[in-house]
Amino acid sequence: MGVWEADQWKLSKPQAVHAGPPSLETMDDLKADAHGFAAGSRSTLPSLDQAQWVRFELKTALQQTLWITFSGGPASQLYLDGNAVALEPDASPDLRHLALSLTLQKGDHELLIKMAGTEVLTERKVRIHSTWEGEDPRWHELSPEKQLEGLADRQGPFVEDPHYEQARSLAHDMAMGKANFTTTLVATDLDKPRETRLLHRGEYDQPTGEALAPEVLSIMGELPKDAPRNRLGLAQWLTSEEHPLTARVLVNQLWLRLFGEGLVRTPEDFGLQGQQPTHPELLDWLAVQFQESGWDLQHMIRLVMTSRTFRQDASWRSEVADPENKLFARGPSYRLDAEVLRDMGLWASQMLDEHMGGEGVKPYQPAGMWSAMAHPASNTKKYERDLSQRVYRRSLYVYWKRTSPHPMMTLFDAPSREASCIRRSRTNTPLQSLGLLNENQRMEMARSMGRRLMAERLSDGERLDYLFTLLASRPAQDSEREACMRLLHDIRQRYQQTPKDVEALLGPEATV
């Protein structure tokens, strides 16, 4: 054993946050190393009203101070040898992780940690850091991090040093930072690259000719002279001013996203078999602007969206013979993507959860869809919907099962992700309207939107104008206003006569 050693790790199942410690027999073995564990993004803390307990044994060869950092909300607690450890007021500055130092006597100790759930998705982890490991080598041989740990050690020789409190504060911040670290795999080049030769008819066991050096297609130029012949050199070539395609392809894709069609109408093919750009000079100018802006996408989006071309009326122009709008004589008009439709509804109804990062979320979905497509031994055979605010996160985080995507995404032409998709198809079907009128989350959006309109506007006309501003970013036309007001009158009359339907739709507190 070194200066200290941690083993016999155990983890409980989620239980009520106010429940007492679980028995050792009900806890599962936990894989961890001497410094603790970090479960990764797939294993997170439970919901706010639950907690998980971690138990482990800590053996110390001498009296020393250790830093313990662990994830958990304000209701978390740590027990040392059966006694609760008082947490300092600044132990959890971000309300997701806690850090504290323990002065341990020589011998065996039992630690029990209650990791309470948090409002924000938080990775489950526990880490142990020694403040003064080793056999006290000479000070100048220590790393800056080890020197800081020594300065912050409560049992060390620097307690009376004028910089002691500052060192303790900095050591605490570093421990909190380490608690947020995520480990990932990184690809590196071999010290000596493998020899590559031309393969006869592509057969891996039939190399021919001399060894080949990394290069690019000659028709597309050459690698920069000072660029290394590796992935870094490839990246430098792709982003160089001399590259003929990168900036043009990206700008064309941006134009496609904003106008529904690109300046090159075959975005998947910029080669000889693709269509020629409708406005080649504009494509070149935008590509140069993109490069000179430092590849700033926000700048390019602002540049295009504030242009006269984008802001012009989308109505049909009979005086212009351009049925496919190849000349962009009118503004863009097309249905939004599935993810954007959902996110826009959540935002307008003030339900959108804007937290970033973390694992996928599982919103409402018809029962049985996964089980019909799953292998009997699959771990995704049963769909378990999330119950917290997480179901209102951006569609980017909706959990995606390749063999059974979310039905509302598929209904609005989201690609299956089984193959690369350069351009989405766009359909308009009766099923899409039925989905928007009946899907559970859309009903929640409608109820929340109704509450917002009732609270922020006084009359029906003002609410209708506000609704169009939020969802269509324009005022309602006379025909639209007339149709909506007529629909509102009919629906209001119907529900005034059938209050039970109102309660079924909006809940027992609802009124018309």
Foldseek 3Di string as FASTA:
>chain_A
DFQKFKDPKWKADKDFLPDDDDDPVRTHGDDAGRFWDWPALVAWADAQGIKMKMKIKMAGQAWFKKKKKWFAAPSKWKAKQRHTDDADPCQDVPRTMGIDMDTDGHGMIMMMIIHGHDNDTGTGIMGMGGLAGDDCDPPVVDDPLNNLSQLQIPPHPNPVPPCNVVSVVVNSVVVVVVNPDDDDDDDDADPDHDWDADADVPDPVRGDDDTDFQWDPPVQPTFPPPADRDPRSVVCQLLDPSGDPNLLLVLQLLCCQQAVAGQFRPSVDPDPPGRDGLCVVVSVVSSVVCSVVVNDPVVSNVVVCPDPLQPFAQDDDPVDPDVPCSVSPGHHDADDALQVVLLLLCVLLVLEDADDDGAAAAADADFPQQLVQDDPPDPRNGDDHDDDSRNRYGPVRHDQDLRGGGVSNVVQFNDSPPDDDSHTDGDDDVVNVVCCVDPPVNLVSVLSNVVVLVVPDPDPVVSQQVVCCSRVVDGDDPVRVVVVVVVVVVVLVVCVVPVVVVCVSRNPVDDD
